C-alpha atoms as a PDB file:
ATOM      1  CA  MET A   1     117.907 108.754 116.354  1.00  0.00           C
ATOM      2  CA  THR A   2     118.985 105.469 114.808  1.00  0.00           C
ATOM      3  CA  ILE A   3     117.445 102.023 114.798  1.00  0.00           C
ATOM      4  CA  VAL A   4     118.793  98.551 114.134  1.00  0.00           C
ATOM      5  CA  HIS A   5     118.904  97.796 110.421  1.00  0.00           C
ATOM      6  CA  ILE A   6     117.965  94.169 109.923  1.00  0.00           C
ATOM      7  CA  LEU A   7     117.528  93.717 106.182  1.00  0.00           C
ATOM      8  CA  HIS A   8     119.627  94.721 103.209  1.00  0.00           C
ATOM      9  CA  THR A   9     119.147  94.300  99.454  1.00  0.00           C
ATOM     10  CA  ASN A  10     121.786  95.459  96.987  1.00  0.00           C
ATOM     11  CA  GLY A  11     123.285  97.686  99.654  1.00  0.00           C
ATOM     12  CA  ILE A  12     119.997  99.452 100.404  1.00  0.00           C
ATOM     13  CA  THR A  13     118.879  99.425 104.016  1.00  0.00           C
ATOM     14  CA  MET A  14     115.391  97.977 104.370  1.00  0.00           C
ATOM     15  CA  ASP A  15     114.499  99.296 107.835  1.00  0.00           C
ATOM     16  CA  TRP A  16     114.067 103.028 108.411  1.00  0.00           C
ATOM     17  CA  ASP A  17     112.923 105.606 110.925  1.00  0.00           C
ATOM     18  CA  LEU A  18     110.956 107.461 108.252  1.00  0.00           C
ATOM     19  CA  ILE A  19     109.832 106.602 104.752  1.00  0.00           C
ATOM     20  CA  VAL A  20     108.504 109.361 102.506  1.00  0.00           C
ATOM     21  CA  VAL A  21     106.346 108.096  99.646  1.00  0.00           C
ATOM     22  CA  GLY A  22     106.687 110.613  96.827  1.00  0.00           C
ATOM     23  CA  GLY A  23     109.619 112.694  95.617  1.00  0.00           C
ATOM     24  CA  GLY A  24     107.989 115.989  94.659  1.00  0.00           C
ATOM     25  CA  PRO A  25     108.441 119.296  96.533  1.00  0.00           C
ATOM     26  CA  ALA A  26     106.480 118.074  99.576  1.00  0.00           C
ATOM     27  CA  GLY A  27     108.297 114.743  99.692  1.00  0.00           C
ATOM     28  CA  LEU A  28     111.768 116.194  99.153  1.00  0.00           C
ATOM     29  CA  SER A  29     111.132 118.870 101.783  1.00  0.00           C
ATOM     30  CA  ALA A  30     110.041 116.132 104.179  1.00  0.00           C
ATOM     31  CA  GLY A  31     113.176 114.158 103.315  1.00  0.00           C
ATOM     32  CA  LEU A  32     115.373 117.190 103.962  1.00  0.00           C
ATOM     33  CA  TYR A  33     113.830 117.927 107.344  1.00  0.00           C
ATOM     34  CA  GLY A  34     113.726 114.250 108.248  1.00  0.00           C
ATOM     35  CA  VAL A  35     117.493 113.834 107.990  1.00  0.00           C
ATOM     36  CA  ARG A  36     118.085 117.204 109.651  1.00  0.00           C
ATOM     37  CA  ALA A  37     116.137 115.790 112.606  1.00  0.00           C
ATOM     38  CA  GLU A  38     118.588 112.849 112.515  1.00  0.00           C
ATOM     39  CA  LEU A  39     116.014 110.348 111.303  1.00  0.00           C
ATOM     40  CA  GLU A  40     117.127 107.581 108.975  1.00  0.00           C
ATOM     41  CA  THR A  41     115.058 108.762 106.008  1.00  0.00           C
ATOM     42  CA  LEU A  42     114.182 107.095 102.709  1.00  0.00           C
ATOM     43  CA  VAL A  43     112.309 108.826  99.871  1.00  0.00           C
ATOM     44  CA  LEU A  44     110.610 106.564  97.335  1.00  0.00           C
ATOM     45  CA  GLU A  45     109.605 108.105  93.997  1.00  0.00           C
ATOM     46  CA  SER A  46     107.697 106.282  91.262  1.00  0.00           C
ATOM     47  CA  ARG A  47     109.523 108.126  88.476  1.00  0.00           C
ATOM     48  CA  GLN A  48     112.329 110.658  88.764  1.00  0.00           C
ATOM     49  CA  PRO A  49     112.443 113.058  91.755  1.00  0.00           C
ATOM     50  CA  GLY A  50     110.792 116.429  91.253  1.00  0.00           C
ATOM     51  CA  GLY A  51     107.093 115.713  90.915  1.00  0.00           C
ATOM     52  CA  GLN A  52     104.720 117.921  88.946  1.00  0.00           C
ATOM     53  CA  ILE A  53     106.925 121.000  89.377  1.00  0.00           C
ATOM     54  CA  ALA A  54     109.500 119.359  87.083  1.00  0.00           C
ATOM     55  CA  THR A  55     106.946 119.515  84.256  1.00  0.00           C
ATOM     56  CA  ALA A  56     106.098 123.191  84.805  1.00  0.00           C
ATOM     57  CA  GLY A  57     107.436 125.977  82.645  1.00  0.00           C
ATOM     58  CA  ILE A  58     108.905 128.992  84.388  1.00  0.00           C
ATOM     59  CA  VAL A  59     107.938 129.255  88.086  1.00  0.00           C
ATOM     60  CA  GLU A  60     107.316 132.859  89.083  1.00  0.00           C
ATOM     61  CA  ASN A  61     105.381 132.524  92.331  1.00  0.00           C
ATOM     62  CA  TYR A  62     107.939 130.790  94.574  1.00  0.00           C
ATOM     63  CA  PRO A  63     109.835 133.184  96.900  1.00  0.00           C
ATOM     64  CA  GLY A  64     113.549 133.699  96.363  1.00  0.00           C
ATOM     65  CA  PHE A  65     113.538 133.798  92.565  1.00  0.00           C
ATOM     66  CA  PRO A  66     112.485 137.316  91.484  1.00  0.00           C
ATOM     67  CA  GLU A  67     113.196 136.556  87.824  1.00  0.00           C
ATOM     68  CA  GLY A  68     111.502 133.170  88.025  1.00  0.00           C
ATOM     69  CA  ILE A  69     113.103 129.758  87.608  1.00  0.00           C
ATOM     70  CA  MET A  70     112.394 126.843  85.295  1.00  0.00           C
ATOM     71  CA  GLY A  71     110.388 124.159  87.057  1.00  0.00           C
ATOM     72  CA  ILE A  72     112.803 121.385  86.102  1.00  0.00           C
ATOM     73  CA  LYS A  73     115.733 123.363  87.559  1.00  0.00           C
ATOM     74  CA  LEU A  74     113.884 124.063  90.799  1.00  0.00           C
ATOM     75  CA  ALA A  75     112.978 120.378  91.106  1.00  0.00           C
ATOM     76  CA  GLU A  76     116.629 119.441  90.618  1.00  0.00           C
ATOM     77  CA  ASN A  77     117.632 121.912  93.345  1.00  0.00           C
ATOM     78  CA  PHE A  78     115.149 120.300  95.740  1.00  0.00           C
ATOM     79  CA  ARG A  79     116.629 116.870  95.010  1.00  0.00           C
ATOM     80  CA  LEU A  80     120.242 117.959  95.336  1.00  0.00           C
ATOM     81  CA  GLN A  81     119.646 119.682  98.666  1.00  0.00           C
ATOM     82  CA  ALA A  82     117.816 116.689 100.162  1.00  0.00           C
ATOM     83  CA  GLU A  83     120.540 114.304  98.991  1.00  0.00           C
ATOM     84  CA  LYS A  84     123.303 116.586 100.235  1.00  0.00           C
ATOM     85  CA  ALA A  85     121.667 116.602 103.661  1.00  0.00           C
ATOM     86  CA  GLY A  86     121.732 112.799 103.685  1.00  0.00           C
ATOM     87  CA  ALA A  87     118.321 111.641 102.498  1.00  0.00           C
ATOM     88  CA  GLN A  88     118.347 108.377 100.543  1.00  0.00           C
ATOM     89  CA  ILE A  89     116.262 108.908  97.388  1.00  0.00           C
ATOM     90  CA  LEU A  90     115.270 105.930  95.251  1.00  0.00           C
ATOM     91  CA  PRO A  91     113.626 106.627  91.852  1.00  0.00           C
ATOM     92  CA  MET A  92     111.463 104.217  89.859  1.00  0.00           C
ATOM     93  CA  GLN A  93     109.962 102.791  93.048  1.00  0.00           C
ATOM     94  CA  GLU A  94     106.211 102.492  92.509  1.00  0.00           C
ATOM     95  CA  VAL A  95     104.734 101.976  95.978  1.00  0.00           C
ATOM     96  CA  GLU A  96     101.954  99.397  95.778  1.00  0.00           C
ATOM     97  CA  SER A  97     100.782  99.271  99.388  1.00  0.00           C
ATOM     98  CA  VAL A  98     101.374 100.423 102.952  1.00  0.00           C
ATOM     99  CA  GLU A  99     100.516  97.943 105.690  1.00  0.00           C
ATOM    100  CA  ILE A 100     100.492  98.139 109.474  1.00  0.00           C
ATOM    101  CA  GLU A 101     102.708  95.553 111.142  1.00  0.00           C
ATOM    102  CA  ARG A 102     102.587  95.827 114.938  1.00  0.00           C
ATOM    103  CA  ASN A 103     104.366  99.069 115.847  1.00  0.00           C
ATOM    104  CA  ARG A 104     105.762  99.813 112.393  1.00  0.00           C
ATOM    105  CA  PHE A 105     104.749 100.003 108.739  1.00  0.00           C
ATOM    106  CA  LEU A 106     105.549  97.780 105.787  1.00  0.00           C
ATOM    107  CA  VAL A 107     105.906  99.718 102.543  1.00  0.00           C
ATOM    108  CA  ARG A 108     105.843  97.510  99.461  1.00  0.00           C
ATOM    109  CA  SER A 109     107.131  98.834  96.130  1.00  0.00           C
ATOM    110  CA  ASN A 110     107.322  97.240  92.698  1.00  0.00           C
ATOM    111  CA  SER A 111     110.810  95.932  93.498  1.00  0.00           C
ATOM    112  CA  ASN A 112     111.307  95.812  97.285  1.00  0.00           C
ATOM    113  CA  SER A 113     109.681  95.961 100.718  1.00  0.00           C
ATOM    114  CA  TYR A 114     110.753  98.404 103.409  1.00  0.00           C
ATOM    115  CA  PHE A 115     109.947  98.805 107.100  1.00  0.00           C
ATOM    116  CA  ALA A 116     109.482 102.207 108.743  1.00  0.00           C
ATOM    117  CA  ARG A 117     108.448 103.526 112.124  1.00  0.00           C
ATOM    118  CA  ALA A 118     106.709 106.475 110.481  1.00  0.00           C
ATOM    119  CA  VAL A 119     105.474 107.223 106.962  1.00  0.00           C
ATOM    120  CA  ILE A 120     104.727 110.434 105.093  1.00  0.00           C
ATOM    121  CA  ILE A 121     102.399 110.223 102.080  1.00  0.00           C
ATOM    122  CA  ALA A 122     103.434 112.845  99.508  1.00  0.00           C
ATOM    123  CA  THR A 123     102.400 111.217  96.248  1.00  0.00           C
ATOM    124  CA  GLY A 124     100.783 114.287  94.691  1.00  0.00           C
ATOM    125  CA  LEU A 125      98.488 114.130  91.678  1.00  0.00           C
ATOM    126  CA  ARG A 126      98.342 112.452  88.286  1.00  0.00           C
ATOM    127  CA  HIS A 127      96.901 113.748  85.032  1.00  0.00           C
ATOM    128  CA  ARG A 128      93.303 112.965  84.164  1.00  0.00           C
ATOM    129  CA  LYS A 129      92.764 111.324  80.805  1.00  0.00           C
ATOM    130  CA  LEU A 130      90.212 112.255  78.158  1.00  0.00           C
ATOM    131  CA  GLY A 131      89.069 108.662  77.802  1.00  0.00           C
ATOM    132  CA  VAL A 132      88.461 108.964  74.072  1.00  0.00           C
ATOM    133  CA  GLN A 133      89.316 106.723  71.135  1.00  0.00           C
ATOM    134  CA  GLY A 134      92.923 107.134  70.036  1.00  0.00           C
ATOM    135  CA  GLU A 135      94.193 108.706  73.265  1.00  0.00           C
ATOM    136  CA  LYS A 136      95.968 105.627  74.568  1.00  0.00           C
ATOM    137  CA  GLU A 137      97.165 104.516  71.134  1.00  0.00           C
ATOM    138  CA  PHE A 138      98.807 107.877  70.369  1.00  0.00           C
ATOM    139  CA  THR A 139     100.262 108.631  73.802  1.00  0.00           C
ATOM    140  CA  GLY A 140     103.911 109.400  73.136  1.00  0.00           C
ATOM    141  CA  ARG A 141     103.143 109.722  69.410  1.00  0.00           C
ATOM    142  CA  GLY A 142     101.466 113.110  69.515  1.00  0.00           C
ATOM    143  CA  VAL A 143      99.412 112.911  72.702  1.00  0.00           C
ATOM    144  CA  SER A 144     101.218 114.438  75.680  1.00  0.00           C
ATOM    145  CA  TYR A 145     100.530 115.265  79.333  1.00  0.00           C
ATOM    146  CA  CYS A 146     103.727 117.281  79.813  1.00  0.00           C
ATOM    147  CA  PHE A 147     104.067 120.422  77.742  1.00  0.00           C
ATOM    148  CA  THR A 148     107.533 121.333  79.039  1.00  0.00           C
ATOM    149  CA  CYS A 149     108.836 117.819  78.377  1.00  0.00           C
ATOM    150  CA  ASP A 150     107.413 117.422  74.879  1.00  0.00           C
ATOM    151  CA  GLY A 151     106.786 120.974  73.711  1.00  0.00           C
ATOM    152  CA  PRO A 152     110.183 121.356  71.979  1.00  0.00           C
ATOM    153  CA  PHE A 153     109.334 118.389  69.724  1.00  0.00           C
ATOM    154  CA  PHE A 154     106.481 120.447  68.239  1.00  0.00           C
ATOM    155  CA  ARG A 155     108.453 123.527  67.263  1.00  0.00           C
ATOM    156  CA  ASP A 156     106.876 125.137  64.181  1.00  0.00           C
ATOM    157  CA  LYS A 157     104.041 122.599  64.168  1.00  0.00           C
ATOM    158  CA  ASN A 158     100.323 122.786  64.842  1.00  0.00           C
ATOM    159  CA  VAL A 159      99.107 121.758  68.306  1.00  0.00           C
ATOM    160  CA  VAL A 160      95.959 121.842  70.401  1.00  0.00           C
ATOM    161  CA  VAL A 161      95.663 122.163  74.170  1.00  0.00           C
ATOM    162  CA  VAL A 162      92.633 120.528  75.774  1.00  0.00           C
ATOM    163  CA  GLY A 163      91.464 122.191  78.981  1.00  0.00           C
ATOM    164  CA  SER A 164      90.606 125.572  80.451  1.00  0.00           C
ATOM    165  CA  GLY A 165      92.253 125.774  83.896  1.00  0.00           C
ATOM    166  CA  THR A 166      95.610 127.036  85.092  1.00  0.00           C
ATOM    167  CA  SER A 167      97.691 124.194  83.673  1.00  0.00           C
ATOM    168  CA  ALA A 168      95.966 124.479  80.289  1.00  0.00           C
ATOM    169  CA  VAL A 169      96.654 128.217  80.141  1.00  0.00           C
ATOM    170  CA  GLU A 170     100.281 127.637  81.125  1.00  0.00           C
ATOM    171  CA  ALA A 171     100.580 125.000  78.400  1.00  0.00           C
ATOM    172  CA  ALA A 172      99.023 127.235  75.738  1.00  0.00           C
ATOM    173  CA  LEU A 173     101.275 130.183  76.614  1.00  0.00           C
ATOM    174  CA  TYR A 174     104.385 128.009  76.676  1.00  0.00           C
ATOM    175  CA  LEU A 175     103.567 126.291  73.391  1.00  0.00           C
ATOM    176  CA  GLY A 176     102.678 129.616  71.827  1.00  0.00           C
ATOM    177  CA  LYS A 177     106.388 130.446  71.866  1.00  0.00           C
ATOM    178  CA  LEU A 178     107.341 127.236  70.061  1.00  0.00           C
ATOM    179  CA  ALA A 179     104.548 125.995  67.827  1.00  0.00           C
ATOM    180  CA  LYS A 180     103.376 127.485  64.555  1.00  0.00           C
ATOM    181  CA  ASN A 181      99.765 127.464  65.706  1.00  0.00           C
ATOM    182  CA  VAL A 182      98.060 126.758  69.030  1.00  0.00           C
ATOM    183  CA  LYS A 183      94.354 126.162  69.555  1.00  0.00           C
ATOM    184  CA  MET A 184      92.727 125.734  72.945  1.00  0.00           C
ATOM    185  CA  ILE A 185      89.755 123.327  73.119  1.00  0.00           C
ATOM    186  CA  MET A 186      87.516 123.941  76.139  1.00  0.00           C
ATOM    187  CA  LYS A 187      84.299 122.504  77.500  1.00  0.00           C
ATOM    188  CA  ALA A 188      83.927 125.738  79.479  1.00  0.00           C
ATOM    189  CA  LYS A 189      82.840 129.107  78.118  1.00  0.00           C
ATOM    190  CA  ASN A 190      86.223 130.639  78.896  1.00  0.00           C
ATOM    191  CA  TYR A 191      89.611 129.808  80.362  1.00  0.00           C
ATOM    192  CA  ALA A 192      89.911 130.236  84.140  1.00  0.00           C
ATOM    193  CA  PRO A 193      93.452 130.260  85.542  1.00  0.00           C
ATOM    194  CA  ARG A 194      93.993 130.852  89.257  1.00  0.00           C
ATOM    195  CA  GLU A 195      96.000 134.050  88.849  1.00  0.00           C
ATOM    196  CA  LYS A 196      94.800 137.245  87.180  1.00  0.00           C
ATOM    197  CA  ILE A 197      98.167 137.800  85.490  1.00  0.00           C
ATOM    198  CA  GLN A 198      97.786 134.492  83.635  1.00  0.00           C
ATOM    199  CA  TYR A 199      94.334 135.528  82.444  1.00  0.00           C
ATOM    200  CA  SER A 200      95.765 138.801  81.092  1.00  0.00           C
ATOM    201  CA  ARG A 201      98.627 137.041  79.339  1.00  0.00           C
ATOM    202  CA  MET A 202      96.254 134.597  77.715  1.00  0.00           C
ATOM    203  CA  LYS A 203      93.915 137.373  76.615  1.00  0.00           C
ATOM    204  CA  ASN A 204      96.789 139.197  74.920  1.00  0.00           C
ATOM    205  CA  SER A 205      98.448 136.104  73.446  1.00  0.00           C
ATOM    206  CA  GLY A 206      96.380 135.842  70.276  1.00  0.00           C
ATOM    207  CA  ILE A 207      95.897 132.110  70.877  1.00  0.00           C
ATOM    208  CA  GLU A 208      92.643 130.840  69.364  1.00  0.00           C
ATOM    209  CA  THR A 209      90.154 129.400  71.841  1.00  0.00           C
ATOM    210  CA  ILE A 210      87.304 127.074  70.933  1.00  0.00           C
ATOM    211  CA  PRO A 211      84.833 127.102  73.857  1.00  0.00           C
ATOM    212  CA  LEU A 212      81.921 124.779  74.671  1.00  0.00           C
ATOM    213  CA  THR A 213      83.602 121.999  72.703  1.00  0.00           C
ATOM    214  CA  GLU A 214      84.789 118.506  73.554  1.00  0.00           C
ATOM    215  CA  VAL A 215      87.267 116.170  71.915  1.00  0.00           C
ATOM    216  CA  ILE A 216      85.606 112.885  70.940  1.00  0.00           C
ATOM    217  CA  GLU A 217      88.433 111.160  69.064  1.00  0.00           C
ATOM    218  CA  ILE A 218      92.133 111.440  68.281  1.00  0.00           C
ATOM    219  CA  TYR A 219      93.253 109.963  64.973  1.00  0.00           C
ATOM    220  CA  GLY A 220      96.335 109.548  62.823  1.00  0.00           C
ATOM    221  CA  ASP A 221      98.655 106.963  61.306  1.00  0.00           C
ATOM    222  CA  GLU A 222     102.065 106.521  62.908  1.00  0.00           C
ATOM    223  CA  LEU A 223     101.617 109.921  64.559  1.00  0.00           C
ATOM    224  CA  VAL A 224      98.672 112.113  65.483  1.00  0.00           C
ATOM    225  CA  ARG A 225      97.115 113.837  62.469  1.00  0.00           C
ATOM    226  CA  GLY A 226      93.994 115.371  63.933  1.00  0.00           C
ATOM    227  CA  ILE A 227      91.096 115.351  66.373  1.00  0.00           C
ATOM    228  CA  LYS A 228      87.341 115.063  66.057  1.00  0.00           C
ATOM    229  CA  ILE A 229      85.311 117.510  68.122  1.00  0.00           C
ATOM    230  CA  ARG A 230      81.688 118.136  69.104  1.00  0.00           C
ATOM    231  CA  ASN A 231      80.040 121.447  69.926  1.00  0.00           C
ATOM    232  CA  LEU A 232      78.339 121.055  73.305  1.00  0.00           C
ATOM    233  CA  LYS A 233      75.727 123.688  72.506  1.00  0.00           C
ATOM    234  CA  ASN A 234      74.363 122.444  69.194  1.00  0.00           C
ATOM    235  CA  GLY A 235      75.943 118.989  68.778  1.00  0.00           C
ATOM    236  CA  GLU A 236      77.715 119.972  65.563  1.00  0.00           C
ATOM    237  CA  LEU A 237      80.682 117.746  64.684  1.00  0.00           C
ATOM    238  CA  GLY A 238      83.994 118.890  63.271  1.00  0.00           C
ATOM    239  CA  GLU A 239      87.661 118.040  62.778  1.00  0.00           C
ATOM    240  CA  ILE A 240      90.915 119.873  63.400  1.00  0.00           C
ATOM    241  CA  GLU A 241      94.176 118.837  61.788  1.00  0.00           C
ATOM    242  CA  THR A 242      96.980 118.907  64.337  1.00  0.00           C
ATOM    243  CA  ASP A 243     100.384 117.389  65.029  1.00  0.00           C
ATOM    244  CA  GLY A 244     100.055 117.334  68.793  1.00  0.00           C
ATOM    245  CA  VAL A 245      97.405 117.078  71.516  1.00  0.00           C
ATOM    246  CA  PHE A 246      98.349 118.359  74.972  1.00  0.00           C
ATOM    247  CA  VAL A 247      95.845 117.156  77.576  1.00  0.00           C
ATOM    248  CA  GLU A 248      95.473 119.490  80.571  1.00  0.00           C
ATOM    249  CA  ILE A 249      92.047 118.731  82.050  1.00  0.00           C
ATOM    250  CA  GLY A 250      92.995 118.484  85.699  1.00  0.00           C
ATOM    251  CA  LYS A 251      94.507 115.973  88.051  1.00  0.00           C
ATOM    252  CA  THR A 252      93.456 113.332  90.553  1.00  0.00           C
ATOM    253  CA  PRO A 253      95.242 112.249  93.758  1.00  0.00           C
ATOM    254  CA  ASN A 254      97.629 109.296  93.730  1.00  0.00           C
ATOM    255  CA  THR A 255      96.046 107.328  96.550  1.00  0.00           C
ATOM    256  CA  ASP A 256      95.134 103.999  94.943  1.00  0.00           C
ATOM    257  CA  PHE A 257      97.943 102.251  96.811  1.00  0.00           C
ATOM    258  CA  LEU A 258      96.265 103.163 100.130  1.00  0.00           C
ATOM    259  CA  LYS A 259      93.086 101.227  99.378  1.00  0.00           C
ATOM    260  CA  ASN A 260      93.881  98.471 101.903  1.00  0.00           C
ATOM    261  CA  LEU A 261      94.761 100.932 104.659  1.00  0.00           C
ATOM    262  CA  PRO A 262      92.042 102.366 106.972  1.00  0.00           C
ATOM    263  CA  ILE A 263      93.106 105.919 106.209  1.00  0.00           C
ATOM    264  CA  LYS A 264      90.467 108.646 105.972  1.00  0.00           C
ATOM    265  CA  MET A 265      90.003 110.370 102.612  1.00  0.00           C
ATOM    266  CA  ASP A 266      87.426 112.771 101.250  1.00  0.00           C
ATOM    267  CA  SER A 267      84.976 111.878  98.485  1.00  0.00           C
ATOM    268  CA  ALA A 268      87.529 112.766  95.787  1.00  0.00           C
ATOM    269  CA  GLY A 269      90.242 110.532  97.246  1.00  0.00           C
ATOM    270  CA  TYR A 270      92.369 113.205  98.931  1.00  0.00           C
ATOM    271  CA  VAL A 271      93.957 112.266 102.273  1.00  0.00           C
ATOM    272  CA  ILE A 272      92.453 114.089 105.246  1.00  0.00           C
ATOM    273  CA  THR A 273      94.931 115.574 107.740  1.00  0.00           C
ATOM    274  CA  ASN A 274      94.901 118.012 110.636  1.00  0.00           C
ATOM    275  CA  ASP A 275      97.098 121.116 110.854  1.00  0.00           C
ATOM    276  CA  ARG A 276     100.022 118.932 111.984  1.00  0.00           C
ATOM    277  CA  GLN A 277      99.715 116.851 108.787  1.00  0.00           C
ATOM    278  CA  GLU A 278      98.629 113.842 110.850  1.00  0.00           C
ATOM    279  CA  THR A 279      96.197 111.348 109.365  1.00  0.00           C
ATOM    280  CA  ASN A 280      93.779 109.284 111.442  1.00  0.00           C
ATOM    281  CA  ILE A 281      96.467 106.576 111.704  1.00  0.00           C
ATOM    282  CA  PRO A 282      99.177 107.347 114.292  1.00  0.00           C
ATOM    283  CA  GLY A 283     102.559 107.396 112.608  1.00  0.00           C
ATOM    284  CA  ILE A 284     101.235 108.155 109.119  1.00  0.00           C
ATOM    285  CA  PHE A 285     101.349 111.737 107.896  1.00  0.00           C
ATOM    286  CA  ALA A 286     100.498 113.336 104.542  1.00  0.00           C
ATOM    287  CA  ALA A 287     101.716 116.460 102.756  1.00  0.00           C
ATOM    288  CA  GLY A 288     101.315 118.340  99.495  1.00  0.00           C
ATOM    289  CA  ASP A 289      98.735 118.088  96.750  1.00  0.00           C
ATOM    290  CA  VAL A 290      97.615 114.609  97.830  1.00  0.00           C
ATOM    291  CA  THR A 291      95.990 116.098 100.942  1.00  0.00           C
ATOM    292  CA  SER A 292      92.503 117.576 101.169  1.00  0.00           C
ATOM    293  CA  ALA A 293      93.905 121.081 101.786  1.00  0.00           C
ATOM    294  CA  SER A 294      92.066 123.571  99.580  1.00  0.00           C
ATOM    295  CA  VAL A 295      95.166 125.393  98.300  1.00  0.00           C
ATOM    296  CA  LYS A 296      97.395 123.451  95.900  1.00  0.00           C
ATOM    297  CA  GLN A 297     100.533 125.571  95.571  1.00  0.00           C
ATOM    298  CA  LEU A 298     104.261 124.895  95.625  1.00  0.00           C
ATOM    299  CA  GLY A 299     104.842 126.977  98.755  1.00  0.00           C
ATOM    300  CA  VAL A 300     102.078 125.109 100.584  1.00  0.00           C
ATOM    301  CA  ALA A 301     103.523 121.727  99.583  1.00  0.00           C
ATOM    302  CA  VAL A 302     106.969 122.679 100.888  1.00  0.00           C
ATOM    303  CA  ALA A 303     105.489 123.931 104.176  1.00  0.00           C
ATOM    304  CA  GLN A 304     103.376 120.809 104.643  1.00  0.00           C
ATOM    305  CA  GLY A 305     106.345 118.537 103.933  1.00  0.00           C
ATOM    306  CA  THR A 306     108.346 120.421 106.547  1.00  0.00           C
ATOM    307  CA  VAL A 307     105.595 120.171 109.152  1.00  0.00           C
ATOM    308  CA  ALA A 308     105.028 116.477 108.435  1.00  0.00           C
ATOM    309  CA  ALA A 309     108.719 115.616 108.963  1.00  0.00           C
ATOM    310  CA  LEU A 310     108.969 117.583 112.205  1.00  0.00           C
ATOM    311  CA  GLN A 311     105.768 115.999 113.500  1.00  0.00           C
ATOM    312  CA  ALA A 312     107.083 112.564 112.530  1.00  0.00           C
ATOM    313  CA  TYR A 313     110.165 113.311 114.633  1.00  0.00           C
ATOM    314  CA  ALA A 314     107.955 114.331 117.547  1.00  0.00           C
ATOM    315  CA  TYR A 315     105.874 111.177 117.141  1.00  0.00           C
ATOM    316  CA  LEU A 316     108.943 108.926 117.123  1.00  0.00           C
ATOM    317  CA  ASN A 317     110.193 110.616 120.263  1.00  0.00           C
ATOM    318  CA  GLY A 318     106.907 110.137 122.096  1.00  0.00           C
ATOM    319  CA  ARG A 319     105.760 113.728 121.781  1.00  0.00           C
ATOM    320  CA  GLY A 320     103.261 113.313 118.953  1.00  0.00           C
END
C-alpha cells in the first residue's frame, strides 16, 4: 500500500501510512512488520533507537541467545533489522502531541509535524526520580539512571544503588563487578526481583543492603560526595560517603503527550488496549511497556509490536 506524499522537509516524507511513536523493542518490531506489510512506515524516537533494553546489562531471558547478549547489542540488532527492511527511523524526535484530523492523525514532534493514517504508541517507560535535594543538580555528575551507560565511569569507586526491585538488583550486580564498594539503599525490608535466579545471585554477591531506609539528600561539590539517609523505622539520620548514586526506583509510562487525545488509560497512566493492541480510538494502537498489560518483558513487547503492526495493516485495508 502506498499513499500520496504531499509534504517534504529536508528530504523526509511528511505523510505516512503508519507512524510508530517510540523506538524500543516494541516500536522497532512494529516498524519491521509495518514495512513487511508494505506500509510506508516511520518510527519516531525521542533519543536513540533501542529503548530501555539498550540500558540493560546482559539479557539472558530472550530466546535465541543461550549465552545471553548485551542489551545495547540486542537493541542495535533490532534497529539494524528494521532499517534493513525499509523502516524510516528518526532519532531525537520528541513527540509532543497526537491529534485527530478527519480520517488521519497529525503527529507533532519537537522539530516537525507528520501525518499518518494509523499510529502505534510504543513510548515505553521513563525512570522515576527521588525528588530530593541535590538530585537534579548532580545528575550527570554522580547521579545516574543508567547503570550500563555510566557504570564504567565508577570503576574502583564507591557507589550506592537506590531501590529494591529487579532493575535495582540488576544494577547492584552489574556494578559489583566494577566498583570498589556497592551499597543498596532500600525502603523495603528486602530486595524483590522478578526472577528467583536474580534473588539467588544477589544473596550470594556479598553486596551490602541497607533496608527500611530512604535517601533524603544528595550532596557534593563539583561531583557527588555523599548522601544523607533516614531510617524509616526509628527516624535516625545518617550519611554515606559515595562517588555515585544509581537511582532504580521504578518507572512510569511516557504518556504525557497524549493528554489532549481522548484515549483511555488506567489510573497509573498506562494505555488500555484489547488483545489486538487496539485502543478506544480507531486507527491508534499501543504496544510494549506503555500499555496496561500486566507483564512487562522484552518478549511481550516484541509480540505486542508485531500484533499492533499487523492489526494496523488490517485496519488500513478495511478489515480492522
